[in-house]
Amino acid sequence: MRIRWPRRVFAQVLTAQVTLTTGVMVLATGLFLAPLSSELDDQAMRRALSIAQTTAADPDLVRELVTTGPTAHGPVQADAERIRTATGALYIVVMDTRGVRWSHTNTDEIGRHVSTDPSRTLAGRQVRQIDTGTLGRSARAKVPLRDDRGRIVGAVSVGIAYDSVRGRLFGTIPGLLRYAGAALAVGVLAAVVLSRRLRRRTHGVAFADISALLDEREAMLHGIREGVVAFDRRGRIRLVNDEAARLLGLDTRAAGRALDEVLPPGRTTDVLAGRVDGADLLAVSGGRVLVANRMPTPDGGAVVTLRDRTELELLGRELDSTQGLLDALRAQDHEHANQLHTVRGLLELGRHDKAVEFVSEVASAQRASAEQIAERVHDPLLSALLVGKAAIAAERGVSLRVSPATLLPDAVVDPRDLVTVLGNLIDNALDATGERRCDEPFVEVELRAERTTAVLRVSDTGPGVPPPLRERIFAEGWSTKEVPSAGARPSARPVAFHRGRGIGLALVRRLAERYGGMARVTARAGGGAVFTVVLPEALARQDDSRGPQLTAAGEPR
């Protein structure tokens, strides 16, 4: 009959533990009994030697051995039997130098030669051994018998029944087995408890399934396009998949280390560590916009998933810009319609000269504004951004001004980075300007080149930024903007200084830091805020005919 090995993990562990515990107890019992038998034999031989030495030390026995003969009723036999009875020995044999017995338990053996060789004892040596004689197997000891002058006149042989030694050995076995059985029961109980706990932890899976589950987990974790970071109960990183390592800039040595050791302080670290509550939390890491969700695990740890929303964020911002341009075009369409109606009315009234003058003024004003921007900002992307933002500002009733100090050559290494920075700053300024009523609200933009450094400054007539908030507004996810719920009336709230989702100014600072520069906010004289961003190496050298020598990240090629 073939024995089937269980498939479940807990059953295999239980079977292995019970088998191992039983084998260990059997082995331990055998290893204990083997030296115990030898110890009991040695104790019996020591006892026999002690009795023999005590008997040989009796001076009357020596005198009686020399002066009398070997008889069943002689004094030697009487003394030997008295000592044997008192000590419980199997026999006490007193012999002369010829090996003839002078005493024995069986009186018929008196006067006969001993059954074992006494030469070693009669030569002056003490002998201990397990041997078989006329009374059977015994533990015996032999000592020489000396007179007053130290001459050997005979020997004393004492035997201890070996059955008593074996009986002592067998008598210990039941107690030993009881202890072994108790230890085995405790071991089996512990194995059962451990196996039950293991069954709950492994959900009853088989050993063969564990390898497949691990392979599937590795393939899934390293194949998905979402970042996964697992933490233990102490907050140390337990697992980082490839996507999370790419998004966070971690390496393979991050596992087993604390999060604060591998990531700099900031919102990203706080979100991953669980110090920020909420779902779909936004964070910025290395210029990337991440959406993080943290899920606690039953063992006290946590698993954080990361999604890269950089492209979606950029598309959203482009959509916002497009929507703003559409609104601006719609406003210009209305304005052009009004202007056409005015021209038509002048023509119908016959005021042709006045109509020509009006058209010339309108065209000149628009052309002058665009030409003024193009003359001061040579990069086409940046100048187009300013023209579009000017139209949006005009629709909101805000004047977008270009500072007279503005002069930016067409030598921008990566215009998209400057578009991101400038677009965010202008949007924030327009939002802030709308929060404060003034006679002439405006936003002023200044773009300057200091050799290879680009300096961007945007000021507004909004409520300004209180000093305690001038650092917090650049933190990822921090925002004073609140989106009212559907149907709710807008409530009074603090002025918003950056995008509603708390990403705009964080991206601005990250881009500035990536170039090795800085971003800060100060107060404007007369009220409002001034945002200044310095981007070193954002401009190519004017005397370099080979063009820009920096990457989009601001690093040397």
Protein backbone atom coordinates (compact mmCIF):
# COMPACT_ATOMS: atom_id res chain seq x y z
CA MET A 1 0.00 0.00 0.00
CA ARG A 2 1.48 3.29 -1.10
CA ILE A 3 1.63 6.07 1.52
CA ARG A 4 0.49 9.38 0.07
CA TRP A 5 2.38 12.46 1.24
CA PRO A 6 -0.02 15.34 2.05
CA ARG A 7 -0.08 18.26 -0.37
CA ARG A 8 -1.06 21.11 1.95
CA VAL A 9 1.71 23.09 3.54
CA PHE A 10 0.38 22.83 7.08
CA ALA A 11 -0.21 19.06 6.74
CA GLN A 12 3.31 18.49 5.43
CA VAL A 13 4.79 20.59 8.21
CA LEU A 14 2.73 18.75 10.85
CA THR A 15 3.74 15.35 9.50
CA ALA A 16 7.39 16.35 9.28
CA GLN A 17 7.38 17.81 12.79
CA VAL A 18 5.67 14.77 14.36
CA THR A 19 8.04 12.41 12.57
CA LEU A 20 11.04 14.47 13.54
CA THR A 21 9.91 14.78 17.16
CA THR A 22 9.30 11.04 17.43
CA GLY A 23 12.66 10.22 15.89
CA VAL A 24 14.44 12.65 18.20
CA MET A 25 12.76 11.19 21.29
CA VAL A 26 13.60 7.61 20.26
CA LEU A 27 17.18 8.59 19.54
CA ALA A 28 17.46 10.51 22.80
CA THR A 29 16.04 7.56 24.75
CA GLY A 30 18.50 5.17 23.11
CA LEU A 31 21.42 7.51 23.69
CA PHE A 32 20.39 7.81 27.34
CA LEU A 33 19.97 4.06 27.92
CA ALA A 34 23.31 3.12 26.36
CA PRO A 35 25.52 5.06 28.81
CA LEU A 36 23.09 4.23 31.65
CA SER A 37 23.79 0.52 31.20
CA SER A 38 27.53 1.13 31.29
CA GLU A 39 27.12 3.39 34.33
CA LEU A 40 25.17 0.73 36.20
CA ASP A 41 27.80 -1.90 35.36
CA ASP A 42 30.51 0.43 36.60
CA GLN A 43 28.61 1.14 39.82
CA ALA A 44 28.16 -2.60 40.45
CA MET A 45 31.87 -3.26 39.91
CA ARG A 46 32.78 -0.36 42.22
CA ARG A 47 30.47 -1.77 44.89
CA ALA A 48 32.03 -5.19 44.55
CA LEU A 49 35.50 -3.64 44.79
CA SER A 50 34.54 -1.73 47.93
CA ILE A 51 33.23 -4.91 49.59
CA ALA A 52 36.36 -6.81 48.54
CA GLN A 53 38.67 -4.11 49.88
CA THR A 54 36.78 -3.96 53.19
CA THR A 55 36.92 -7.76 53.53
CA ALA A 56 40.64 -7.91 52.70
CA ALA A 57 41.36 -5.24 55.31
CA ASP A 58 40.15 -7.51 58.14
CA PRO A 59 43.34 -8.78 59.98
CA ASP A 60 41.43 -11.69 61.54
CA LEU A 61 40.67 -13.02 58.07
CA VAL A 62 44.40 -13.14 57.22
CA ARG A 63 45.23 -14.94 60.47
CA GLU A 64 42.40 -17.41 60.00
CA LEU A 65 43.49 -18.08 56.41
CA VAL A 66 47.03 -18.90 57.57
CA THR A 67 46.18 -20.91 60.68
CA THR A 68 43.10 -22.91 59.66
CA GLY A 69 42.02 -25.06 56.78
CA PRO A 70 39.38 -24.72 54.03
CA THR A 71 36.27 -26.23 55.64
CA ALA A 72 32.56 -25.48 55.31
CA HIS A 73 32.35 -24.64 59.02
CA GLY A 74 35.68 -22.83 59.37
CA PRO A 75 36.08 -19.25 60.56
CA VAL A 76 36.95 -17.95 57.08
CA GLN A 77 33.65 -19.25 55.71
CA ALA A 78 31.76 -17.80 58.69
CA ASP A 79 33.28 -14.33 58.32
CA ALA A 80 32.76 -14.31 54.55
CA GLU A 81 29.10 -15.32 54.86
CA ARG A 82 28.52 -12.72 57.54
CA ILE A 83 29.92 -9.96 55.30
CA ARG A 84 28.00 -11.28 52.26
CA THR A 85 24.74 -11.29 54.13
CA ALA A 86 25.34 -7.78 55.43
CA THR A 87 26.28 -6.30 52.05
CA GLY A 88 23.87 -8.24 49.82
CA ALA A 89 26.66 -9.55 47.59
CA LEU A 90 26.12 -12.64 45.44
CA TYR A 91 29.21 -14.30 46.81
CA ILE A 92 32.45 -13.62 48.71
CA VAL A 93 35.23 -16.05 47.90
CA VAL A 94 38.45 -16.13 49.91
CA MET A 95 41.27 -18.08 48.24
CA ASP A 96 44.85 -18.89 49.07
CA THR A 97 47.86 -18.40 46.84
CA ARG A 98 47.10 -21.65 45.01
CA GLY A 99 43.60 -20.47 43.99
CA VAL A 100 41.82 -22.83 46.35
CA ARG A 101 38.55 -21.57 47.81
CA TRP A 102 38.28 -21.12 51.56
CA SER A 103 34.76 -19.71 51.40
CA HIS A 104 31.85 -19.81 48.99
CA THR A 105 28.08 -19.44 48.97
CA ASN A 106 27.87 -23.06 47.90
CA THR A 107 29.81 -24.96 50.58
CA ASP A 108 30.46 -27.80 48.13
CA GLU A 109 32.85 -25.50 46.26
CA ILE A 110 35.06 -24.95 49.32
CA GLY A 111 38.44 -26.65 48.86
CA ARG A 112 38.18 -26.55 45.10
CA HIS A 113 40.11 -24.39 42.67
CA VAL A 114 38.40 -21.19 41.48
CA SER A 115 36.77 -21.20 38.03
CA THR A 116 38.57 -18.09 36.78
CA ASP A 117 42.27 -17.31 36.57
CA PRO A 118 43.43 -15.53 39.80
CA SER A 119 47.00 -14.91 38.64
CA ARG A 120 46.61 -11.16 38.14
CA THR A 121 45.15 -10.68 41.58
CA LEU A 122 47.74 -12.92 43.27
CA ALA A 123 50.38 -10.88 41.46
CA GLY A 124 49.19 -7.83 43.46
CA ARG A 125 46.69 -6.18 41.10
CA GLN A 126 43.06 -5.32 41.68
CA VAL A 127 40.65 -6.64 39.05
CA ARG A 128 37.16 -5.41 38.08
CA GLN A 129 35.11 -7.17 35.41
CA ILE A 130 31.81 -8.57 34.24
CA ASP A 131 32.29 -12.31 34.02
CA THR A 132 30.49 -15.67 34.27
CA GLY A 133 31.33 -18.08 37.03
CA THR A 134 29.76 -21.01 38.87
CA LEU A 135 26.91 -18.76 40.08
CA GLY A 136 26.27 -17.25 36.68
CA ARG A 137 27.04 -13.82 35.29
CA SER A 138 28.08 -11.20 37.81
CA ALA A 139 29.88 -7.94 38.31
CA ARG A 140 32.97 -8.93 40.28
CA ALA A 141 36.06 -7.47 41.87
CA LYS A 142 39.23 -9.19 43.13
CA VAL A 143 41.81 -7.76 45.52
CA PRO A 144 44.97 -9.33 46.96
CA LEU A 145 45.01 -10.39 50.64
CA ARG A 146 48.20 -9.37 52.48
CA ASP A 147 49.63 -10.13 55.90
CA ASP A 148 51.19 -7.69 58.31
CA ARG A 149 54.45 -7.69 56.32
CA GLY A 150 52.69 -6.93 53.04
CA ARG A 151 53.15 -10.41 51.61
CA ILE A 152 50.30 -11.77 49.49
CA VAL A 153 48.78 -14.75 51.27
CA GLY A 154 45.65 -15.03 49.15
CA ALA A 155 42.87 -13.04 47.49
CA VAL A 156 39.26 -11.97 48.01
CA SER A 157 36.73 -12.12 45.14
CA VAL A 158 33.32 -10.46 45.52
CA GLY A 159 30.47 -10.76 43.02
CA ILE A 160 27.30 -8.73 42.57
CA ALA A 161 24.42 -10.50 40.83
CA TYR A 162 24.12 -9.15 37.31
CA ASP A 163 20.40 -9.71 37.35
CA SER A 164 20.08 -6.93 39.91
CA VAL A 165 22.04 -4.59 37.64
CA ARG A 166 19.79 -5.46 34.72
CA GLY A 167 16.75 -5.07 36.93
CA ARG A 168 17.82 -1.54 37.88
CA LEU A 169 18.29 -0.79 34.20
CA PHE A 170 14.89 -2.12 33.25
CA GLY A 171 13.36 -0.37 36.23
CA THR A 172 14.42 3.00 34.86
CA ILE A 173 12.89 2.38 31.44
CA PRO A 174 9.19 2.94 32.39
CA GLY A 175 9.97 6.28 34.03
CA LEU A 176 12.15 7.26 31.11
CA LEU A 177 9.43 6.31 28.67
CA ARG A 178 6.90 8.36 30.64
CA TYR A 179 9.13 11.42 30.42
CA ALA A 180 9.80 10.74 26.75
CA GLY A 181 6.08 10.30 26.11
CA ALA A 182 5.29 13.57 27.88
CA ALA A 183 7.97 15.39 25.88
CA LEU A 184 6.65 13.79 22.69
CA ALA A 185 3.10 14.88 23.52
CA VAL A 186 4.25 18.45 24.14
CA GLY A 187 6.18 18.39 20.86
CA VAL A 188 3.19 17.04 18.93
CA LEU A 189 0.88 19.62 20.54
CA ALA A 190 3.29 22.41 19.61
CA ALA A 191 3.48 21.01 16.07
CA VAL A 192 -0.31 20.95 15.82
CA VAL A 193 -0.61 24.54 17.06
CA LEU A 194 2.11 25.68 14.68
CA SER A 195 0.54 23.84 11.76
CA ARG A 196 -2.88 25.38 12.46
CA ARG A 197 -1.34 28.84 12.51
CA LEU A 198 0.58 28.03 9.35
CA ARG A 199 -2.63 26.88 7.71
CA ARG A 200 -4.27 30.24 8.48
CA ARG A 201 -1.24 32.15 7.21
CA THR A 202 -0.84 30.11 4.01
CA HIS A 203 -4.60 29.86 3.33
CA GLY A 204 -4.27 26.14 2.77
CA VAL A 205 -2.02 26.33 -0.30
CA ALA A 206 0.20 23.43 -1.30
CA PHE A 207 3.99 23.51 -1.42
CA ALA A 208 3.87 23.04 -5.17
CA ASP A 209 1.71 26.17 -5.46
CA ILE A 210 4.08 28.38 -3.47
CA SER A 211 6.78 28.40 -6.15
CA ALA A 212 4.20 29.16 -8.84
CA LEU A 213 2.67 31.94 -6.73
CA LEU A 214 6.08 33.50 -6.16
CA ASP A 215 6.92 33.33 -9.85
CA GLU A 216 3.56 34.86 -10.75
CA ARG A 217 4.01 37.60 -8.14
CA GLU A 218 7.47 38.50 -9.43
CA ALA A 219 6.22 38.57 -13.03
CA MET A 220 3.21 40.68 -12.08
CA LEU A 221 5.09 43.15 -9.86
CA HIS A 222 7.88 43.74 -12.34
CA GLY A 223 5.61 43.66 -15.40
CA ILE A 224 2.90 46.11 -14.44
CA ARG A 225 3.24 49.78 -15.29
CA GLU A 226 2.38 50.93 -11.78
CA GLY A 227 4.93 51.37 -9.03
CA VAL A 228 4.59 49.15 -5.95
CA VAL A 229 6.45 49.72 -2.68
CA ALA A 230 5.87 47.41 0.30
CA PHE A 231 6.81 48.26 3.90
CA ASP A 232 7.09 46.14 7.02
CA ARG A 233 5.67 47.09 10.42
CA ARG A 234 8.81 49.08 11.28
CA GLY A 235 8.48 51.22 8.16
CA ARG A 236 11.39 49.60 6.34
CA ILE A 237 11.16 48.93 2.63
CA ARG A 238 10.34 45.30 1.98
CA LEU A 239 9.84 45.33 -1.79
CA VAL A 240 10.26 47.78 -4.67
CA ASN A 241 9.28 46.82 -8.20
CA ASP A 242 10.97 48.15 -11.32
CA GLU A 243 8.43 50.89 -12.02
CA ALA A 244 8.57 52.25 -8.46
CA ALA A 245 12.37 52.27 -8.58
CA ARG A 246 12.20 54.25 -11.83
CA LEU A 247 9.62 56.75 -10.59
CA LEU A 248 11.31 57.35 -7.23
CA GLY A 249 14.92 57.07 -8.41
CA LEU A 250 15.70 54.12 -6.10
CA ASP A 251 18.21 51.33 -6.64
CA THR A 252 18.30 47.66 -5.64
CA ARG A 253 19.90 48.49 -2.28
CA ALA A 254 16.74 50.23 -1.07
CA ALA A 255 15.19 47.00 0.23
CA GLY A 256 15.64 46.57 3.97
CA ARG A 257 16.30 50.28 4.60
CA ALA A 258 14.12 52.96 6.14
CA LEU A 259 12.26 55.25 3.74
CA ASP A 260 13.86 58.39 5.18
CA GLU A 261 17.29 56.93 4.33
CA VAL A 262 16.62 56.58 0.59
CA LEU A 263 14.33 59.55 -0.14
CA PRO A 264 14.81 63.22 0.75
CA PRO A 265 12.34 64.92 3.12
CA GLY A 266 9.20 66.22 1.47
CA ARG A 267 5.63 65.41 0.63
CA THR A 268 6.55 62.34 -1.42
CA THR A 269 8.27 60.77 1.58
CA ASP A 270 5.38 61.75 3.87
CA VAL A 271 2.81 60.22 1.51
CA LEU A 272 4.73 56.94 1.19
CA ALA A 273 5.30 56.76 4.95
CA GLY A 274 1.60 57.25 5.68
CA ARG A 275 2.02 60.61 7.37
CA VAL A 276 -0.55 62.10 4.96
CA ASP A 277 -4.06 60.64 4.96
CA GLY A 278 -6.31 60.28 1.96
CA ALA A 279 -6.72 58.47 -1.33
CA ASP A 280 -5.19 59.34 -4.70
CA LEU A 281 -2.66 61.65 -3.09
CA LEU A 282 -0.54 63.71 -5.46
CA ALA A 283 3.22 63.97 -5.13
CA VAL A 284 6.08 65.21 -7.27
CA SER A 285 9.27 63.18 -7.63
CA GLY A 286 12.01 64.17 -10.02
CA GLY A 287 9.71 66.36 -12.08
CA ARG A 288 7.08 63.62 -12.32
CA VAL A 289 3.54 63.93 -11.00
CA LEU A 290 2.64 60.77 -9.07
CA VAL A 291 -0.66 59.53 -7.66
CA ALA A 292 -0.11 57.44 -4.51
CA ASN A 293 -2.45 55.14 -2.62
CA ARG A 294 -1.43 53.43 0.62
CA MET A 295 -3.10 50.23 1.83
CA PRO A 296 -2.27 48.75 5.28
CA THR A 297 -1.53 45.02 5.53
CA PRO A 298 -2.66 42.67 8.35
CA ASP A 299 0.91 42.26 9.65
CA GLY A 300 1.21 45.99 10.42
CA GLY A 301 2.99 46.93 7.19
CA ALA A 302 1.64 48.67 4.12
CA VAL A 303 1.68 48.57 0.32
CA VAL A 304 1.83 51.81 -1.68
CA THR A 305 0.93 51.96 -5.36
CA LEU A 306 2.21 54.75 -7.58
CA ARG A 307 0.82 55.92 -10.91
CA ASP A 308 2.64 58.29 -13.22
CA ARG A 309 0.32 61.15 -14.10
CA THR A 310 2.95 63.37 -15.65
CA GLU A 311 1.61 63.02 -19.17
CA LEU A 312 -1.98 63.41 -18.01
CA GLU A 313 -1.02 66.49 -16.03
CA LEU A 314 0.70 67.99 -19.04
CA LEU A 315 -2.27 67.18 -21.24
CA GLY A 316 -4.56 68.71 -18.64
CA ARG A 317 -2.52 71.88 -18.59
CA GLU A 318 -2.48 71.98 -22.37
CA LEU A 319 -6.24 71.50 -22.32
CA ASP A 320 -6.56 74.35 -19.82
CA SER A 321 -4.44 76.53 -22.07
CA THR A 322 -6.47 75.53 -25.10
CA GLN A 323 -9.69 76.27 -23.25
CA GLY A 324 -8.28 79.62 -22.24
CA LEU A 325 -7.37 80.38 -25.82
CA LEU A 326 -10.84 79.36 -26.96
CA ASP A 327 -12.35 81.67 -24.39
CA ALA A 328 -10.01 84.43 -25.56
CA LEU A 329 -10.94 83.80 -29.19
CA ARG A 330 -14.61 83.84 -28.24
CA ALA A 331 -14.14 87.14 -26.49
CA GLN A 332 -12.21 88.53 -29.46
CA ASP A 333 -14.96 87.31 -31.76
CA HIS A 334 -17.49 89.31 -29.77
CA GLU A 335 -15.16 92.28 -29.75
CA HIS A 336 -14.57 92.01 -33.50
CA ALA A 337 -18.32 91.74 -34.07
CA ASN A 338 -18.83 94.95 -32.11
CA GLN A 339 -16.06 96.62 -34.06
CA LEU A 340 -17.55 95.48 -37.37
CA HIS A 341 -20.91 96.83 -36.31
CA THR A 342 -19.24 100.13 -35.50
CA VAL A 343 -17.53 100.19 -38.93
CA ARG A 344 -20.80 99.34 -40.65
CA GLY A 345 -22.61 102.11 -38.82
CA LEU A 346 -19.93 104.63 -39.79
CA LEU A 347 -20.15 103.54 -43.40
CA GLU A 348 -23.93 103.75 -43.42
CA LEU A 349 -23.68 107.25 -41.97
CA GLY A 350 -21.26 108.19 -44.70
CA ARG A 351 -18.43 108.77 -42.28
CA HIS A 352 -15.91 106.96 -44.42
CA ASP A 353 -12.86 108.78 -43.11
CA LYS A 354 -13.89 108.04 -39.57
CA ALA A 355 -14.37 104.35 -40.42
CA VAL A 356 -10.88 104.12 -41.95
CA GLU A 357 -9.39 105.85 -38.92
CA PHE A 358 -11.19 103.47 -36.54
CA VAL A 359 -10.01 100.33 -38.40
CA SER A 360 -6.45 101.64 -38.48
CA GLU A 361 -6.45 102.29 -34.73
CA VAL A 362 -7.77 98.82 -33.87
CA ALA A 363 -5.34 97.00 -36.16
CA SER A 364 -2.45 99.15 -34.98
CA ALA A 365 -3.17 98.48 -31.31
CA GLN A 366 -3.30 94.70 -31.73
CA ARG A 367 -0.26 94.64 -34.02
CA ALA A 368 1.67 96.86 -31.62
CA SER A 369 0.96 94.56 -28.68
CA ALA A 370 2.10 91.41 -30.54
CA GLU A 371 5.11 93.17 -32.04
CA GLN A 372 6.14 94.51 -28.65
CA ILE A 373 6.14 90.98 -27.20
CA ALA A 374 8.00 89.53 -30.21
CA GLU A 375 10.66 92.26 -30.05
CA ARG A 376 11.43 91.57 -26.40
CA VAL A 377 10.96 87.76 -26.32
CA HIS A 378 12.66 86.19 -29.32
CA ASP A 379 11.72 82.58 -28.60
CA PRO A 380 8.53 81.82 -30.59
CA LEU A 381 7.00 79.48 -27.98
CA LEU A 382 7.39 81.96 -25.15
CA SER A 383 6.19 84.93 -27.20
CA ALA A 384 3.16 82.93 -28.41
CA LEU A 385 2.40 81.98 -24.79
CA LEU A 386 2.48 85.64 -23.76
CA VAL A 387 0.20 86.68 -26.62
CA GLY A 388 -2.32 83.97 -25.73
CA LYS A 389 -2.19 84.79 -22.00
CA ALA A 390 -2.67 88.49 -22.83
CA ALA A 391 -5.93 87.64 -24.58
CA ILE A 392 -7.08 85.53 -21.60
CA ALA A 393 -6.16 88.31 -19.20
CA ALA A 394 -8.06 90.86 -21.28
CA GLU A 395 -11.18 88.68 -21.11
CA ARG A 396 -10.88 88.61 -17.31
CA GLY A 397 -10.50 92.35 -17.20
CA VAL A 398 -6.82 92.12 -16.25
CA SER A 399 -4.00 93.81 -18.12
CA LEU A 400 -1.01 91.61 -18.94
CA ARG A 401 2.04 93.82 -19.16
CA VAL A 402 5.54 93.05 -20.39
CA SER A 403 8.14 94.80 -18.30
CA PRO A 404 10.40 97.29 -20.11
CA ALA A 405 13.36 95.36 -18.69
CA THR A 406 12.27 92.21 -20.56
CA LEU A 407 14.77 90.97 -23.13
CA LEU A 408 15.20 87.26 -23.80
CA PRO A 409 17.24 86.12 -26.84
CA ASP A 410 16.41 83.15 -29.00
CA ALA A 411 18.92 80.90 -27.19
CA VAL A 412 16.70 78.89 -24.84
CA VAL A 413 17.99 75.35 -24.29
CA ASP A 414 14.56 73.81 -23.66
CA PRO A 415 11.69 76.29 -24.27
CA ARG A 416 9.14 73.79 -22.92
CA ASP A 417 10.54 74.06 -19.40
CA LEU A 418 10.30 77.86 -19.52
CA VAL A 419 6.78 77.58 -20.95
CA THR A 420 5.80 75.36 -18.00
CA VAL A 421 7.30 77.75 -15.47
CA LEU A 422 5.95 80.93 -17.06
CA GLY A 423 2.51 79.45 -17.78
CA ASN A 424 2.06 78.32 -14.17
CA LEU A 425 3.18 81.65 -12.78
CA ILE A 426 0.88 83.66 -15.06
CA ASP A 427 -2.11 81.40 -14.32
CA ASN A 428 -1.53 81.76 -10.59
CA ALA A 429 -1.14 85.52 -10.93
CA LEU A 430 -4.38 85.83 -12.92
CA ASP A 431 -6.24 83.73 -10.33
CA ALA A 432 -4.83 85.79 -7.47
CA THR A 433 -5.58 89.09 -9.20
CA GLY A 434 -9.22 88.11 -9.53
CA GLU A 435 -9.40 87.58 -5.77
CA ARG A 436 -8.75 91.26 -5.00
CA ARG A 437 -10.66 94.20 -6.39
CA CYS A 438 -8.65 97.19 -7.52
CA ASP A 439 -9.04 99.98 -10.02
CA GLU A 440 -6.45 98.74 -12.50
CA PRO A 441 -5.66 95.04 -11.97
CA PHE A 442 -2.63 93.87 -13.92
CA VAL A 443 -0.03 91.13 -14.16
CA GLU A 444 3.49 92.10 -15.15
CA VAL A 445 5.95 89.67 -16.73
CA GLU A 446 9.69 90.18 -16.86
CA LEU A 447 12.08 87.84 -18.71
CA ARG A 448 15.78 88.60 -18.56
CA ALA A 449 18.96 86.88 -19.65
CA GLU A 450 22.09 87.07 -17.51
CA ARG A 451 24.62 85.29 -19.70
CA THR A 452 23.39 81.67 -19.61
CA THR A 453 20.95 82.25 -16.74
CA ALA A 454 17.28 82.97 -17.39
CA VAL A 455 15.45 85.06 -14.79
CA LEU A 456 11.63 84.96 -14.84
CA ARG A 457 9.63 87.33 -12.67
CA VAL A 458 5.83 87.60 -12.52
CA SER A 459 4.12 90.15 -10.29
CA ASP A 460 0.44 90.80 -9.72
CA THR A 461 -1.94 93.12 -7.86
CA GLY A 462 -3.56 90.30 -5.90
CA PRO A 463 -3.74 89.95 -2.13
CA GLY A 464 -0.12 88.76 -1.86
CA VAL A 465 1.36 85.84 0.04
CA PRO A 466 1.67 86.04 3.85
CA PRO A 467 5.26 85.43 5.05
CA PRO A 468 4.38 82.18 6.94
CA LEU A 469 3.09 80.65 3.69
CA ARG A 470 5.91 81.65 1.35
CA GLU A 471 7.63 78.28 1.66
CA ARG A 472 4.57 76.09 2.07
CA ILE A 473 3.05 77.16 -1.24
CA PHE A 474 5.84 75.35 -3.09
CA ALA A 475 5.11 72.02 -1.36
CA GLU A 476 3.50 69.27 -3.42
CA GLY A 477 -0.20 68.92 -2.84
CA TRP A 478 -0.50 72.04 -0.68
CA SER A 479 -3.22 74.34 -1.85
CA THR A 480 -5.67 76.87 -0.47
CA LYS A 481 -8.06 76.32 -3.35
CA GLU A 482 -11.26 74.44 -2.67
CA VAL A 483 -13.57 73.12 -5.31
CA PRO A 484 -17.16 73.72 -4.20
CA SER A 485 -19.55 70.83 -4.43
CA ALA A 486 -22.29 70.78 -7.01
CA GLY A 487 -25.03 73.18 -6.10
CA ALA A 488 -23.15 74.63 -3.15
CA ARG A 489 -22.64 78.33 -2.81
CA PRO A 490 -19.02 79.46 -2.95
CA SER A 491 -17.91 80.20 0.58
CA ALA A 492 -15.37 82.72 1.69
CA ARG A 493 -11.97 81.11 1.68
CA PRO A 494 -8.30 82.14 1.76
CA VAL A 495 -6.85 83.36 -1.49
CA ALA A 496 -5.34 80.61 -3.62
CA PHE A 497 -1.73 80.94 -4.58
CA HIS A 498 -1.33 77.95 -6.90
CA ARG A 499 -3.30 75.39 -8.84
CA GLY A 500 -6.21 73.71 -7.21
CA ARG A 501 -4.48 70.37 -7.03
CA GLY A 502 -1.31 71.74 -5.48
CA ILE A 503 1.04 70.76 -8.32
CA GLY A 504 1.80 73.93 -10.31
CA LEU A 505 4.22 75.69 -8.00
CA ALA A 506 5.74 72.39 -6.90
CA LEU A 507 6.65 71.70 -10.54
CA VAL A 508 8.04 75.22 -10.85
CA ARG A 509 10.36 74.72 -7.88
CA ARG A 510 11.40 71.23 -9.01
CA LEU A 511 12.28 72.54 -12.47
CA ALA A 512 14.26 75.38 -10.92
CA GLU A 513 16.13 72.97 -8.62
CA ARG A 514 16.80 70.64 -11.53
CA TYR A 515 18.56 73.52 -13.29
CA GLY A 516 20.41 74.34 -10.09
CA GLY A 517 18.40 77.50 -9.51
CA MET A 518 15.66 78.59 -7.16
CA ALA A 519 12.07 79.83 -6.94
CA ARG A 520 10.80 82.26 -4.33
CA VAL A 521 7.97 84.66 -3.66
CA THR A 522 8.14 88.16 -2.16
CA ALA A 523 5.76 91.02 -1.59
CA ARG A 524 5.09 93.68 -4.24
CA ALA A 525 5.18 97.33 -3.32
CA GLY A 526 1.61 98.56 -3.28
CA GLY A 527 0.18 95.10 -2.66
CA GLY A 528 0.42 91.80 -4.44
CA ALA A 529 3.06 89.13 -4.90
CA VAL A 530 6.23 88.78 -6.94
CA PHE A 531 7.33 85.31 -8.02
CA THR A 532 10.96 85.03 -9.14
CA VAL A 533 12.47 81.94 -10.77
CA VAL A 534 16.17 81.69 -11.62
CA LEU A 535 17.24 79.00 -14.09
CA PRO A 536 21.03 78.75 -14.49
CA GLU A 537 22.32 77.29 -17.73
CA ALA A 538 18.86 77.59 -19.30
CA LEU A 539 20.30 79.68 -22.14
CA ALA A 540 22.96 78.68 -24.64
CA ARG A 541 26.10 80.76 -25.02
CA GLN A 542 25.70 83.39 -27.71
CA ASP A 543 29.16 82.73 -29.18
CA ASP A 544 28.60 79.01 -29.50
CA SER A 545 27.73 78.24 -33.11
CA ARG A 546 27.00 74.61 -32.32
CA GLY A 547 23.83 75.51 -30.49
CA PRO A 548 22.72 74.46 -27.03
CA GLN A 549 25.04 72.12 -25.14
CA LEU A 550 22.65 71.20 -22.34
CA THR A 551 19.99 68.53 -22.08
CA ALA A 552 16.40 69.24 -21.18
CA ALA A 553 17.28 68.45 -17.57
CA GLY A 554 19.87 71.21 -17.49
CA GLU A 555 22.82 68.78 -17.42
CA PRO A 556 25.89 69.06 -19.67
CA ARG A 557 25.78 66.84 -22.70
